[in-house]
PDB file of N, CA and C in Angstrom:
ATOM      1  N   MET A   1      34.288  24.622  22.583  1.00  0.00           N
ATOM      2  CA  MET A   1      34.191  24.144  23.940  1.00  0.00           C
ATOM      3  C   MET A   1      33.729  22.692  23.893  1.00  0.00           C
ATOM      4  N   ARG A   2      34.196  21.869  24.828  1.00  0.00           N
ATOM      5  CA  ARG A   2      33.777  20.475  24.886  1.00  0.00           C
ATOM      6  C   ARG A   2      33.699  20.013  26.339  1.00  0.00           C
ATOM      7  N   PHE A   3      32.968  18.924  26.539  1.00  0.00           N
ATOM      8  CA  PHE A   3      32.855  18.293  27.857  1.00  0.00           C
ATOM      9  C   PHE A   3      33.250  16.834  27.678  1.00  0.00           C
ATOM     10  N   ASP A   4      34.234  16.378  28.438  1.00  0.00           N
ATOM     11  CA  ASP A   4      34.728  15.002  28.285  1.00  0.00           C
ATOM     12  C   ASP A   4      34.096  14.019  29.265  1.00  0.00           C
ATOM     13  N   GLY A   5      33.032  14.435  29.927  1.00  0.00           N
ATOM     14  CA  GLY A   5      32.382  13.594  30.914  1.00  0.00           C
ATOM     15  C   GLY A   5      32.782  13.943  32.333  1.00  0.00           C
ATOM     16  N   THR A   6      33.860  14.683  32.460  1.00  0.00           N
ATOM     17  CA  THR A   6      34.354  15.089  33.770  1.00  0.00           C
ATOM     18  C   THR A   6      34.502  16.597  33.876  1.00  0.00           C
ATOM     19  N   SER A   7      35.069  17.198  32.832  1.00  0.00           N
ATOM     20  CA  SER A   7      35.326  18.642  32.887  1.00  0.00           C
ATOM     21  C   SER A   7      35.146  19.271  31.513  1.00  0.00           C
ATOM     22  N   PHE A   8      35.003  20.600  31.519  1.00  0.00           N
ATOM     23  CA  PHE A   8      34.914  21.372  30.286  1.00  0.00           C
ATOM     24  C   PHE A   8      36.307  21.819  29.861  1.00  0.00           C
ATOM     25  N   SER A   9      36.510  21.891  28.535  1.00  0.00           N
ATOM     26  CA  SER A   9      37.751  22.417  27.970  1.00  0.00           C
ATOM     27  C   SER A   9      37.397  23.363  26.837  1.00  0.00           C
ATOM     28  N   VAL A  10      38.308  24.301  26.557  1.00  0.00           N
ATOM     29  CA  VAL A  10      38.157  25.196  25.417  1.00  0.00           C
ATOM     30  C   VAL A  10      39.371  25.036  24.525  1.00  0.00           C
ATOM     31  N   CYS A  11      39.159  25.231  23.227  1.00  0.00           N
ATOM     32  CA  CYS A  11      40.253  25.097  22.269  1.00  0.00           C
ATOM     33  C   CYS A  11      40.925  26.454  22.101  1.00  0.00           C
ATOM     34  N   GLU A  12      42.222  26.481  22.316  1.00  0.00           N
ATOM     35  CA  GLU A  12      42.994  27.709  22.153  1.00  0.00           C
ATOM     36  C   GLU A  12      44.222  27.378  21.323  1.00  0.00           C
ATOM     37  N   GLY A  13      44.298  27.953  20.118  1.00  0.00           N
ATOM     38  CA  GLY A  13      45.440  27.714  19.234  1.00  0.00           C
ATOM     39  C   GLY A  13      45.614  26.252  18.870  1.00  0.00           C
ATOM     40  N   GLY A  14      44.517  25.520  18.720  1.00  0.00           N
ATOM     41  CA  GLY A  14      44.578  24.114  18.359  1.00  0.00           C
ATOM     42  C   GLY A  14      44.789  23.168  19.528  1.00  0.00           C
ATOM     43  N   ALA A  15      44.943  23.692  20.735  1.00  0.00           N
ATOM     44  CA  ALA A  15      45.151  22.843  21.922  1.00  0.00           C
ATOM     45  C   ALA A  15      43.983  23.010  22.881  1.00  0.00           C
ATOM     46  N   TRP A  16      43.520  21.885  23.466  1.00  0.00           N
ATOM     47  CA  TRP A  16      42.427  21.912  24.429  1.00  0.00           C
ATOM     48  C   TRP A  16      42.972  22.250  25.804  1.00  0.00           C
ATOM     49  N   LYS A  17      42.375  23.295  26.430  1.00  0.00           N
ATOM     50  CA  LYS A  17      42.794  23.716  27.767  1.00  0.00           C
ATOM     51  C   LYS A  17      41.600  23.614  28.703  1.00  0.00           C
ATOM     52  N   PRO A  18      41.811  23.110  29.929  1.00  0.00           N
ATOM     53  CA  PRO A  18      40.684  22.940  30.855  1.00  0.00           C
ATOM     54  C   PRO A  18      40.142  24.277  31.345  1.00  0.00           C
ATOM     55  N   VAL A  19      38.831  24.303  31.563  1.00  0.00           N
ATOM     56  CA  VAL A  19      38.198  25.451  32.201  1.00  0.00           C
ATOM     57  C   VAL A  19      38.313  25.178  33.697  1.00  0.00           C
ATOM     58  N   THR A  20      39.150  25.938  34.372  1.00  0.00           N
ATOM     59  CA  THR A  20      39.489  25.627  35.766  1.00  0.00           C
ATOM     60  C   THR A  20      38.924  26.623  36.760  1.00  0.00           C
ATOM     61  N   ARG A  21      38.155  27.550  36.315  1.00  0.00           N
ATOM     62  CA  ARG A  21      37.652  28.587  37.218  1.00  0.00           C
ATOM     63  C   ARG A  21      36.226  28.285  37.643  1.00  0.00           C
ATOM     64  N   ALA A  22      36.027  27.164  38.300  1.00  0.00           N
ATOM     65  CA  ALA A  22      34.696  26.773  38.755  1.00  0.00           C
ATOM     66  C   ALA A  22      34.138  27.814  39.714  1.00  0.00           C
ATOM     67  N   GLY A  23      32.842  28.016  39.651  1.00  0.00           N
ATOM     68  CA  GLY A  23      32.196  28.961  40.549  1.00  0.00           C
ATOM     69  C   GLY A  23      32.252  30.395  40.064  1.00  0.00           C
ATOM     70  N   MET A  24      32.809  30.640  38.891  1.00  0.00           N
ATOM     71  CA  MET A  24      32.858  32.001  38.362  1.00  0.00           C
ATOM     72  C   MET A  24      31.449  32.446  37.990  1.00  0.00           C
ATOM     73  N   THR A  25      31.180  33.693  38.165  1.00  0.00           N
ATOM     74  CA  THR A  25      29.906  34.263  37.746  1.00  0.00           C
ATOM     75  C   THR A  25      30.155  35.602  37.069  1.00  0.00           C
ATOM     76  N   CYS A  26      29.202  36.014  36.270  1.00  0.00           N
ATOM     77  CA  CYS A  26      29.280  37.323  35.626  1.00  0.00           C
ATOM     78  C   CYS A  26      28.912  38.399  36.641  1.00  0.00           C
ATOM     79  N   PRO A  27      29.435  39.593  36.463  1.00  0.00           N
ATOM     80  CA  PRO A  27      29.066  40.703  37.346  1.00  0.00           C
ATOM     81  C   PRO A  27      27.570  40.995  37.258  1.00  0.00           C
ATOM     82  N   SER A  28      27.033  41.616  38.267  1.00  0.00           N
ATOM     83  CA  SER A  28      25.631  41.994  38.293  1.00  0.00           C
ATOM     84  C   SER A  28      25.303  42.856  37.080  1.00  0.00           C
ATOM     85  N   GLY A  29      24.191  42.569  36.424  1.00  0.00           N
ATOM     86  CA  GLY A  29      23.778  43.330  35.247  1.00  0.00           C
ATOM     87  C   GLY A  29      24.350  42.791  33.950  1.00  0.00           C
ATOM     88  N   GLU A  30      25.103  41.677  34.009  1.00  0.00           N
ATOM     89  CA  GLU A  30      25.656  41.059  32.806  1.00  0.00           C
ATOM     90  C   GLU A  30      25.220  39.600  32.740  1.00  0.00           C
ATOM     91  N   PHE A  31      25.248  39.020  31.537  1.00  0.00           N
ATOM     92  CA  PHE A  31      24.910  37.619  31.374  1.00  0.00           C
ATOM     93  C   PHE A  31      26.020  36.911  30.615  1.00  0.00           C
ATOM     94  N   LEU A  32      26.071  35.589  30.738  1.00  0.00           N
ATOM     95  CA  LEU A  32      27.116  34.795  30.111  1.00  0.00           C
ATOM     96  C   LEU A  32      26.876  34.703  28.614  1.00  0.00           C
ATOM     97  N   GLN A  33      27.823  35.206  27.837  1.00  0.00           N
ATOM     98  CA  GLN A  33      27.768  35.150  26.383  1.00  0.00           C
ATOM     99  C   GLN A  33      28.491  33.913  25.869  1.00  0.00           C
ATOM    100  N   GLY A  34      29.494  33.456  26.603  1.00  0.00           N
ATOM    101  CA  GLY A  34      30.307  32.308  26.196  1.00  0.00           C
ATOM    102  C   GLY A  34      31.588  32.286  27.007  1.00  0.00           C
ATOM    103  N   PHE A  35      32.588  31.582  26.481  1.00  0.00           N
ATOM    104  CA  PHE A  35      33.871  31.476  27.166  1.00  0.00           C
ATOM    105  C   PHE A  35      34.971  32.023  26.279  1.00  0.00           C
ATOM    106  N   ASN A  36      35.952  32.679  26.895  1.00  0.00           N
ATOM    107  CA  ASN A  36      37.131  33.151  26.187  1.00  0.00           C
ATOM    108  C   ASN A  36      38.090  31.975  25.999  1.00  0.00           C
ATOM    109  N   PRO A  37      39.042  32.075  25.052  1.00  0.00           N
ATOM    110  CA  PRO A  37      39.968  30.962  24.813  1.00  0.00           C
ATOM    111  C   PRO A  37      40.750  30.511  26.051  1.00  0.00           C
ATOM    112  N   ASP A  38      40.957  31.418  27.006  1.00  0.00           N
ATOM    113  CA  ASP A  38      41.697  31.031  28.214  1.00  0.00           C
ATOM    114  C   ASP A  38      40.805  30.385  29.269  1.00  0.00           C
ATOM    115  N   GLY A  39      39.523  30.215  28.961  1.00  0.00           N
ATOM    116  CA  GLY A  39      38.602  29.596  29.894  1.00  0.00           C
ATOM    117  C   GLY A  39      37.843  30.576  30.762  1.00  0.00           C
ATOM    118  N   SER A  40      38.200  31.838  30.689  1.00  0.00           N
ATOM    119  CA  SER A  40      37.475  32.831  31.475  1.00  0.00           C
ATOM    120  C   SER A  40      36.109  33.100  30.843  1.00  0.00           C
ATOM    121  N   LEU A  41      35.215  33.683  31.615  1.00  0.00           N
ATOM    122  CA  LEU A  41      33.874  33.970  31.135  1.00  0.00           C
ATOM    123  C   LEU A  41      33.855  35.186  30.220  1.00  0.00           C
ATOM    124  N   ASN A  42      33.062  35.108  29.168  1.00  0.00           N
ATOM    125  CA  ASN A  42      32.811  36.249  28.296  1.00  0.00           C
ATOM    126  C   ASN A  42      31.434  36.772  28.679  1.00  0.00           C
ATOM    127  N   CYS A  43      31.377  37.849  29.450  1.00  0.00           N
ATOM    128  CA  CYS A  43      30.128  38.407  29.959  1.00  0.00           C
ATOM    129  C   CYS A  43      29.755  39.664  29.176  1.00  0.00           C
ATOM    130  N   GLN A  44      28.457  39.850  28.972  1.00  0.00           N
ATOM    131  CA  GLN A  44      27.953  41.011  28.243  1.00  0.00           C
ATOM    132  C   GLN A  44      26.887  41.695  29.080  1.00  0.00           C
ATOM    133  N   ALA A  45      26.777  42.999  28.910  1.00  0.00           N
ATOM    134  CA  ALA A  45      25.762  43.768  29.631  1.00  0.00           C
ATOM    135  C   ALA A  45      24.375  43.350  29.168  1.00  0.00           C
ATOM    136  N   VAL A  46      23.444  43.319  30.092  1.00  0.00           N
ATOM    137  CA  VAL A  46      22.063  42.979  29.785  1.00  0.00           C
ATOM    138  C   VAL A  46      21.419  44.158  29.069  1.00  0.00           C
ATOM    139  N   ASN A  47      20.734  43.869  27.976  1.00  0.00           N
ATOM    140  CA  ASN A  47      19.973  44.911  27.287  1.00  0.00           C
ATOM    141  C   ASN A  47      18.679  45.134  28.044  1.00  0.00           C
ATOM    142  N   THR A  48      18.504  46.299  28.595  1.00  0.00           N
ATOM    143  CA  THR A  48      17.288  46.578  29.343  1.00  0.00           C
ATOM    144  C   THR A  48      16.222  47.122  28.412  1.00  0.00           C
ATOM    145  N   LEU A  49      15.003  46.829  28.723  1.00  0.00           N
ATOM    146  CA  LEU A  49      13.873  47.306  27.940  1.00  0.00           C
ATOM    147  C   LEU A  49      13.450  48.658  28.491  1.00  0.00           C
ATOM    148  N   SER A  50      13.423  49.654  27.638  1.00  0.00           N
ATOM    149  CA  SER A  50      13.157  51.002  28.115  1.00  0.00           C
ATOM    150  C   SER A  50      11.670  51.330  28.188  1.00  0.00           C
ATOM    151  N   THR A  51      10.845  50.648  27.410  1.00  0.00           N
ATOM    152  CA  THR A  51       9.434  51.003  27.358  1.00  0.00           C
ATOM    153  C   THR A  51       8.578  49.754  27.185  1.00  0.00           C
ATOM    154  N   THR A  52       7.470  49.713  27.888  1.00  0.00           N
ATOM    155  CA  THR A  52       6.437  48.710  27.627  1.00  0.00           C
ATOM    156  C   THR A  52       5.114  49.443  27.486  1.00  0.00           C
ATOM    157  N   GLN A  53       4.228  48.896  26.693  1.00  0.00           N
ATOM    158  CA  GLN A  53       2.924  49.521  26.519  1.00  0.00           C
ATOM    159  C   GLN A  53       1.882  48.450  26.234  1.00  0.00           C
ATOM    160  N   SER A  54       0.697  48.638  26.788  1.00  0.00           N
ATOM    161  CA  SER A  54      -0.419  47.730  26.575  1.00  0.00           C
ATOM    162  C   SER A  54      -1.395  48.358  25.589  1.00  0.00           C
ATOM    163  N   PHE A  55      -1.936  47.541  24.689  1.00  0.00           N
ATOM    164  CA  PHE A  55      -2.916  47.990  23.708  1.00  0.00           C
ATOM    165  C   PHE A  55      -4.156  47.111  23.819  1.00  0.00           C
ATOM    166  N   GLN A  56      -5.304  47.678  23.485  1.00  0.00           N
ATOM    167  CA  GLN A  56      -6.544  46.920  23.577  1.00  0.00           C
ATOM    168  C   GLN A  56      -7.477  47.295  22.435  1.00  0.00           C
ATOM    169  N   ILE A  57      -8.154  46.288  21.863  1.00  0.00           N
ATOM    170  CA  ILE A  57      -9.212  46.545  20.886  1.00  0.00           C
ATOM    171  C   ILE A  57     -10.447  45.757  21.313  1.00  0.00           C
ATOM    172  N   THR A  58     -11.607  46.296  20.960  1.00  0.00           N
ATOM    173  CA  THR A  58     -12.877  45.665  21.293  1.00  0.00           C
ATOM    174  C   THR A  58     -13.775  45.706  20.059  1.00  0.00           C
ATOM    175  N   ALA A  59     -14.523  44.636  19.849  1.00  0.00           N
ATOM    176  CA  ALA A  59     -15.515  44.616  18.773  1.00  0.00           C
ATOM    177  C   ALA A  59     -16.810  44.064  19.345  1.00  0.00           C
ATOM    178  N   GLY A  60     -17.870  44.819  19.199  1.00  0.00           N
ATOM    179  CA  GLY A  60     -19.168  44.445  19.759  1.00  0.00           C
ATOM    180  C   GLY A  60     -20.057  43.716  18.778  1.00  0.00           C
ATOM    181  N   ASN A  61     -21.304  43.569  19.153  1.00  0.00           N
ATOM    182  CA  ASN A  61     -22.298  42.905  18.308  1.00  0.00           C
ATOM    183  C   ASN A  61     -22.409  43.590  16.952  1.00  0.00           C
ATOM    184  N   GLY A  62     -22.623  42.787  15.925  1.00  0.00           N
ATOM    185  CA  GLY A  62     -22.828  43.317  14.580  1.00  0.00           C
ATOM    186  C   GLY A  62     -21.561  43.453  13.762  1.00  0.00           C
ATOM    187  N   THR A  63     -20.389  43.314  14.356  1.00  0.00           N
ATOM    188  CA  THR A  63     -19.128  43.385  13.614  1.00  0.00           C
ATOM    189  C   THR A  63     -18.441  42.023  13.647  1.00  0.00           C
ATOM    190  N   THR A  64     -17.570  41.767  12.681  1.00  0.00           N
ATOM    191  CA  THR A  64     -16.872  40.482  12.625  1.00  0.00           C
ATOM    192  C   THR A  64     -15.356  40.611  12.732  1.00  0.00           C
ATOM    193  N   SER A  65     -14.817  41.837  12.698  1.00  0.00           N
ATOM    194  CA  SER A  65     -13.364  41.998  12.792  1.00  0.00           C
ATOM    195  C   SER A  65     -13.013  43.404  13.256  1.00  0.00           C
ATOM    196  N   ALA A  66     -11.795  43.534  13.742  1.00  0.00           N
ATOM    197  CA  ALA A  66     -11.231  44.830  14.118  1.00  0.00           C
ATOM    198  C   ALA A  66      -9.719  44.686  14.100  1.00  0.00           C
ATOM    199  N   SER A  67      -9.009  45.774  13.910  1.00  0.00           N
ATOM    200  CA  SER A  67      -7.549  45.746  13.944  1.00  0.00           C
ATOM    201  C   SER A  67      -7.025  47.077  14.438  1.00  0.00           C
ATOM    202  N   GLN A  68      -5.808  47.031  14.969  1.00  0.00           N
ATOM    203  CA  GLN A  68      -5.155  48.239  15.449  1.00  0.00           C
ATOM    204  C   GLN A  68      -3.667  48.124  15.148  1.00  0.00           C
ATOM    205  N   ALA A  69      -3.106  49.157  14.516  1.00  0.00           N
ATOM    206  CA  ALA A  69      -1.662  49.226  14.292  1.00  0.00           C
ATOM    207  C   ALA A  69      -1.005  49.589  15.620  1.00  0.00           C
ATOM    208  N   LEU A  70      -0.011  48.800  16.032  1.00  0.00           N
ATOM    209  CA  LEU A  70       0.654  49.029  17.314  1.00  0.00           C
ATOM    210  C   LEU A  70       1.931  49.856  17.174  1.00  0.00           C
ATOM    211  N   GLY A  71       2.474  49.955  15.980  1.00  0.00           N
ATOM    212  CA  GLY A  71       3.699  50.715  15.763  1.00  0.00           C
ATOM    213  C   GLY A  71       4.935  49.823  15.791  1.00  0.00           C
ATOM    214  N   ASN A  72       6.101  50.445  15.863  1.00  0.00           N
ATOM    215  CA  ASN A  72       7.377  49.725  15.845  1.00  0.00           C
ATOM    216  C   ASN A  72       7.809  49.370  17.262  1.00  0.00           C
ATOM    217  N   TRP A  73       8.033  48.069  17.510  1.00  0.00           N
ATOM    218  CA  TRP A  73       8.438  47.560  18.810  1.00  0.00           C
ATOM    219  C   TRP A  73       9.449  46.439  18.629  1.00  0.00           C
ATOM    220  N   LYS A  74      10.210  46.174  19.695  1.00  0.00           N
ATOM    221  CA  LYS A  74      11.094  45.011  19.693  1.00  0.00           C
ATOM    222  C   LYS A  74      10.270  43.739  19.599  1.00  0.00           C
ATOM    223  N   PHE A  75       9.235  43.649  20.427  1.00  0.00           N
ATOM    224  CA  PHE A  75       8.407  42.451  20.455  1.00  0.00           C
ATOM    225  C   PHE A  75       7.034  42.791  21.012  1.00  0.00           C
ATOM    226  N   CYS A  76       5.992  42.162  20.476  1.00  0.00           N
ATOM    227  CA  CYS A  76       4.626  42.282  20.987  1.00  0.00           C
ATOM    228  C   CYS A  76       4.036  40.884  21.114  1.00  0.00           C
ATOM    229  N   ALA A  77       3.197  40.686  22.116  1.00  0.00           N
ATOM    230  CA  ALA A  77       2.561  39.389  22.334  1.00  0.00           C
ATOM    231  C   ALA A  77       1.140  39.595  22.828  1.00  0.00           C
ATOM    232  N   LEU A  78       0.303  38.601  22.576  1.00  0.00           N
ATOM    233  CA  LEU A  78      -1.064  38.623  23.067  1.00  0.00           C
ATOM    234  C   LEU A  78      -1.043  38.524  24.581  1.00  0.00           C
ATOM    235  N   ALA A  79      -1.733  39.426  25.254  1.00  0.00           N
ATOM    236  CA  ALA A  79      -1.699  39.482  26.716  1.00  0.00           C
ATOM    237  C   ALA A  79      -3.031  39.089  27.346  1.00  0.00           C
ATOM    238  N   GLY A  80      -4.086  38.945  26.547  1.00  0.00           N
ATOM    239  CA  GLY A  80      -5.361  38.532  27.112  1.00  0.00           C
ATOM    240  C   GLY A  80      -6.486  38.712  26.126  1.00  0.00           C
ATOM    241  N   GLN A  81      -7.568  38.001  26.394  1.00  0.00           N
ATOM    242  CA  GLN A  81      -8.767  38.167  25.588  1.00  0.00           C
ATOM    243  C   GLN A  81      -9.978  37.792  26.430  1.00  0.00           C
ATOM    244  N   ARG A  82     -11.102  38.351  26.051  1.00  0.00           N
ATOM    245  CA  ARG A  82     -12.357  38.043  26.739  1.00  0.00           C
ATOM    246  C   ARG A  82     -13.466  38.064  25.697  1.00  0.00           C
ATOM    247  N   THR A  83     -14.349  37.095  25.772  1.00  0.00           N
ATOM    248  CA  THR A  83     -15.452  37.008  24.825  1.00  0.00           C
ATOM    249  C   THR A  83     -16.741  36.688  25.570  1.00  0.00           C
ATOM    250  N   THR A  84     -17.863  36.913  24.920  1.00  0.00           N
ATOM    251  CA  THR A  84     -19.142  36.523  25.504  1.00  0.00           C
ATOM    252  C   THR A  84     -19.232  35.004  25.525  1.00  0.00           C
ATOM    253  N   ALA A  85     -19.965  34.478  26.444  1.00  0.00           N
ATOM    254  CA  ALA A  85     -20.104  33.020  26.580  1.00  0.00           C
ATOM    255  C   ALA A  85     -21.377  32.562  25.903  1.00  0.00           C
ATOM    256  N   ASP A  86     -21.293  32.306  24.621  1.00  0.00           N
ATOM    257  CA  ASP A  86     -22.439  31.759  23.901  1.00  0.00           C
ATOM    258  C   ASP A  86     -21.950  30.680  22.939  1.00  0.00           C
ATOM    259  N   ASP A  87     -22.845  30.115  22.168  1.00  0.00           N
ATOM    260  CA  ASP A  87     -22.484  29.011  21.287  1.00  0.00           C
ATOM    261  C   ASP A  87     -21.575  29.415  20.132  1.00  0.00           C
ATOM    262  N   SER A  88     -21.475  30.685  19.837  1.00  0.00           N
ATOM    263  CA  SER A  88     -20.690  31.097  18.677  1.00  0.00           C
ATOM    264  C   SER A  88     -19.257  31.489  19.036  1.00  0.00           C
ATOM    265  N   ASN A  89     -18.823  31.312  20.292  1.00  0.00           N
ATOM    266  CA  ASN A  89     -17.492  31.784  20.679  1.00  0.00           C
ATOM    267  C   ASN A  89     -16.363  30.983  20.043  1.00  0.00           C
ATOM    268  N   ASN A  90     -16.660  29.860  19.377  1.00  0.00           N
ATOM    269  CA  ASN A  90     -15.585  29.138  18.703  1.00  0.00           C
ATOM    270  C   ASN A  90     -15.070  29.884  17.472  1.00  0.00           C
ATOM    271  N   TYR A  91     -15.709  30.938  17.052  1.00  0.00           N
ATOM    272  CA  TYR A  91     -15.241  31.762  15.938  1.00  0.00           C
ATOM    273  C   TYR A  91     -14.272  32.853  16.405  1.00  0.00           C
ATOM    274  N   ASP A  92     -14.214  33.108  17.699  1.00  0.00           N
ATOM    275  CA  ASP A  92     -13.462  34.248  18.223  1.00  0.00           C
ATOM    276  C   ASP A  92     -11.958  33.993  18.197  1.00  0.00           C
ATOM    277  N   ASN A  93     -11.208  34.989  17.713  1.00  0.00           N
ATOM    278  CA  ASN A  93      -9.774  34.834  17.567  1.00  0.00           C
ATOM    279  C   ASN A  93      -9.074  36.176  17.743  1.00  0.00           C
ATOM    280  N   CYS A  94      -8.063  36.213  18.600  1.00  0.00           N
ATOM    281  CA  CYS A  94      -7.195  37.381  18.756  1.00  0.00           C
ATOM    282  C   CYS A  94      -5.816  36.998  18.242  1.00  0.00           C
ATOM    283  N   GLN A  95      -5.157  37.919  17.545  1.00  0.00           N
ATOM    284  CA  GLN A  95      -3.854  37.608  16.974  1.00  0.00           C
ATOM    285  C   GLN A  95      -2.979  38.855  16.936  1.00  0.00           C
ATOM    286  N   VAL A  96      -1.713  38.684  17.317  1.00  0.00           N
ATOM    287  CA  VAL A  96      -0.714  39.733  17.191  1.00  0.00           C
ATOM    288  C   VAL A  96       0.206  39.336  16.043  1.00  0.00           C
ATOM    289  N   THR A  97       0.405  40.245  15.085  1.00  0.00           N
ATOM    290  CA  THR A  97       1.276  39.949  13.951  1.00  0.00           C
ATOM    291  C   THR A  97       2.366  41.004  13.864  1.00  0.00           C
ATOM    292  N   GLY A  98       3.505  40.618  13.337  1.00  0.00           N
ATOM    293  CA  GLY A  98       4.635  41.518  13.164  1.00  0.00           C
ATOM    294  C   GLY A  98       5.923  40.736  13.245  1.00  0.00           C
ATOM    295  N   SER A  99       7.032  41.445  13.321  1.00  0.00           N
ATOM    296  CA  SER A  99       8.332  40.793  13.434  1.00  0.00           C
ATOM    297  C   SER A  99       9.248  41.621  14.324  1.00  0.00           C
ATOM    298  N   PHE A 100      10.250  40.972  14.891  1.00  0.00           N
ATOM    299  CA  PHE A 100      11.181  41.571  15.835  1.00  0.00           C
ATOM    300  C   PHE A 100      11.717  42.905  15.308  1.00  0.00           C
ATOM    301  N   ASN A 101      11.684  43.929  16.158  1.00  0.00           N
ATOM    302  CA  ASN A 101      12.155  45.279  15.815  1.00  0.00           C
ATOM    303  C   ASN A 101      11.484  45.836  14.557  1.00  0.00           C
ATOM    304  N   SER A 102      10.194  45.626  14.440  1.00  0.00           N
ATOM    305  CA  SER A 102       9.474  46.093  13.264  1.00  0.00           C
ATOM    306  C   SER A 102       8.061  46.523  13.648  1.00  0.00           C
ATOM    307  N   THR A 103       7.176  46.604  12.665  1.00  0.00           N
ATOM    308  CA  THR A 103       5.800  47.038  12.868  1.00  0.00           C
ATOM    309  C   THR A 103       4.935  45.871  13.315  1.00  0.00           C
ATOM    310  N   TRP A 104       4.057  46.132  14.306  1.00  0.00           N
ATOM    311  CA  TRP A 104       3.172  45.113  14.868  1.00  0.00           C
ATOM    312  C   TRP A 104       1.717  45.550  14.737  1.00  0.00           C
ATOM    313  N   ASN A 105       0.805  44.569  14.701  1.00  0.00           N
ATOM    314  CA  ASN A 105      -0.633  44.822  14.621  1.00  0.00           C
ATOM    315  C   ASN A 105      -1.370  43.880  15.560  1.00  0.00           C
ATOM    316  N   LEU A 106      -2.484  44.345  16.093  1.00  0.00           N
ATOM    317  CA  LEU A 106      -3.381  43.535  16.901  1.00  0.00           C
ATOM    318  C   LEU A 106      -4.669  43.361  16.101  1.00  0.00           C
ATOM    319  N   ASN A 107      -5.067  42.108  15.849  1.00  0.00           N
ATOM    320  CA  ASN A 107      -6.225  41.816  15.012  1.00  0.00           C
ATOM    321  C   ASN A 107      -7.180  40.889  15.744  1.00  0.00           C
ATOM    322  N   LEU A 108      -8.463  41.041  15.464  1.00  0.00           N
ATOM    323  CA  LEU A 108      -9.437  40.093  15.986  1.00  0.00           C
ATOM    324  C   LEU A 108     -10.450  39.772  14.911  1.00  0.00           C
ATOM    325  N   THR A 109     -10.938  38.543  14.961  1.00  0.00           N
ATOM    326  CA  THR A 109     -12.059  38.108  14.133  1.00  0.00           C
ATOM    327  C   THR A 109     -13.029  37.370  15.048  1.00  0.00           C
ATOM    328  N   LYS A 110     -14.326  37.480  14.735  1.00  0.00           N
ATOM    329  CA  LYS A 110     -15.315  36.900  15.638  1.00  0.00           C
ATOM    330  C   LYS A 110     -16.644  36.695  14.925  1.00  0.00           C
ATOM    331  N   HIS A 111     -17.506  35.971  15.564  1.00  0.00           N
ATOM    332  CA  HIS A 111     -18.875  35.807  15.098  1.00  0.00           C
ATOM    333  C   HIS A 111     -19.597  37.140  15.322  1.00  0.00           C
ATOM    334  N   SER A 112     -20.472  37.515  14.437  1.00  0.00           N
ATOM    335  CA  SER A 112     -21.112  38.844  14.523  1.00  0.00           C
ATOM    336  C   SER A 112     -21.981  39.018  15.766  1.00  0.00           C
ATOM    337  N   GLU A 113     -22.408  37.935  16.398  1.00  0.00           N
ATOM    338  CA  GLU A 113     -23.257  38.053  17.581  1.00  0.00           C
ATOM    339  C   GLU A 113     -22.458  38.096  18.883  1.00  0.00           C
ATOM    340  N   ASP A 114     -21.164  37.906  18.813  1.00  0.00           N
ATOM    341  CA  ASP A 114     -20.312  37.939  20.008  1.00  0.00           C
ATOM    342  C   ASP A 114     -19.762  39.329  20.266  1.00  0.00           C
ATOM    343  N   GLN A 115     -19.280  39.506  21.473  1.00  0.00           N
ATOM    344  CA  GLN A 115     -18.444  40.656  21.799  1.00  0.00           C
ATOM    345  C   GLN A 115     -17.071  40.095  22.114  1.00  0.00           C
ATOM    346  N   LEU A 116     -16.009  40.747  21.627  1.00  0.00           N
ATOM    347  CA  LEU A 116     -14.645  40.253  21.844  1.00  0.00           C
ATOM    348  C   LEU A 116     -13.725  41.400  22.194  1.00  0.00           C
ATOM    349  N   TRP A 117     -12.900  41.172  23.192  1.00  0.00           N
ATOM    350  CA  TRP A 117     -11.915  42.143  23.668  1.00  0.00           C
ATOM    351  C   TRP A 117     -10.551  41.459  23.608  1.00  0.00           C
ATOM    352  N   CYS A 118      -9.546  42.104  23.000  1.00  0.00           N
ATOM    353  CA  CYS A 118      -8.192  41.554  22.874  1.00  0.00           C
ATOM    354  C   CYS A 118      -7.185  42.577  23.381  1.00  0.00           C
ATOM    355  N   ARG A 119      -6.133  42.082  24.060  1.00  0.00           N
ATOM    356  CA  ARG A 119      -5.083  42.967  24.587  1.00  0.00           C
ATOM    357  C   ARG A 119      -3.728  42.443  24.201  1.00  0.00           C
ATOM    358  N   ALA A 120      -2.802  43.353  23.844  1.00  0.00           N
ATOM    359  CA  ALA A 120      -1.415  43.011  23.522  1.00  0.00           C
ATOM    360  C   ALA A 120      -0.488  43.838  24.388  1.00  0.00           C
ATOM    361  N   MET A 121       0.688  43.261  24.708  1.00  0.00           N
ATOM    362  CA  MET A 121       1.734  43.969  25.448  1.00  0.00           C
ATOM    363  C   MET A 121       2.958  44.035  24.535  1.00  0.00           C
ATOM    364  N   CYS A 122       3.519  45.229  24.403  1.00  0.00           N
ATOM    365  CA  CYS A 122       4.690  45.432  23.540  1.00  0.00           C
ATOM    366  C   CYS A 122       5.860  45.976  24.359  1.00  0.00           C
ATOM    367  N   ILE A 123       7.075  45.606  23.949  1.00  0.00           N
ATOM    368  CA  ILE A 123       8.291  46.084  24.618  1.00  0.00           C
ATOM    369  C   ILE A 123       9.237  46.685  23.580  1.00  0.00           C
ATOM    370  N   ARG A 124       9.953  47.705  24.012  1.00  0.00           N
ATOM    371  CA  ARG A 124      10.915  48.373  23.124  1.00  0.00           C
ATOM    372  C   ARG A 124      12.273  48.329  23.764  1.00  0.00           C
TER     373      ARG A 124
END
């Protein structure tokens, strides 16, 4: 596909053909994947997420770390954290580790005198 400053064209069989169907949209529930050689839209169904789940870990005074295995998910992300407000809060850290469509973990490290709460949200 190319844009010549005025219009878009697609290459079909070695020849550039203009995309002339301005205002085209994909049907509801689909998204634009690209263009077909004739200039029409190549639309694909949206992958819906079937499950979401929130996880939380807490570590109180006297501990410096905690972790929780979250299981297999499409994606997990840090959704929030809360710590005590004292001089040692610069040690506090929440982290979600893992990889797409694989095993995820929620980990925290902190100063032993702090309390730390971490939350992750995962989607499948």
